Amino acid sequence: QVHLVESGGGLVQPGESLRLSCTASGNIISIYMAWYRQTPGNSRELVAGDVYYADSVKGRFTISRDPSKNAIYLQMDSLKPEDTGDYYCYAAQLGHEYWGQGIQVTVSS
């Protein structure tokens, strides 16, 4: 079992930045981690994982990892109102998938 805990969301104004964190605990051997989001009226989508970035966030979001802490991060710069939504940490391991509880990001003036 893998347990994921996210942090770092909140309310910001357009153009500002946020950094999301996700820490994994449990059996974290050979684990793949990524970030998804669900914006209002849309289905959940992959935002960033390994070298992949959704077109809508390229050049603004950066995923990074700290293996020593079993953590991944999502640095979100130049935030736009359309980035508003629930962000989820995702992990996959040996055919099993895990999701964090989700964290809200609101971009509004």
Foldseek 3Di string as FASTA:
>chain_A
DKAKAKDWADEEAAQAKIKMKIFIDDPCPPKFKFKWWDFPPGDIDGADGDHDGDPVQPPFWDKDDDVVRNMIMIIGGRDDQRVWTWMWMWMDDPHDIDIYPTDTHGYHD
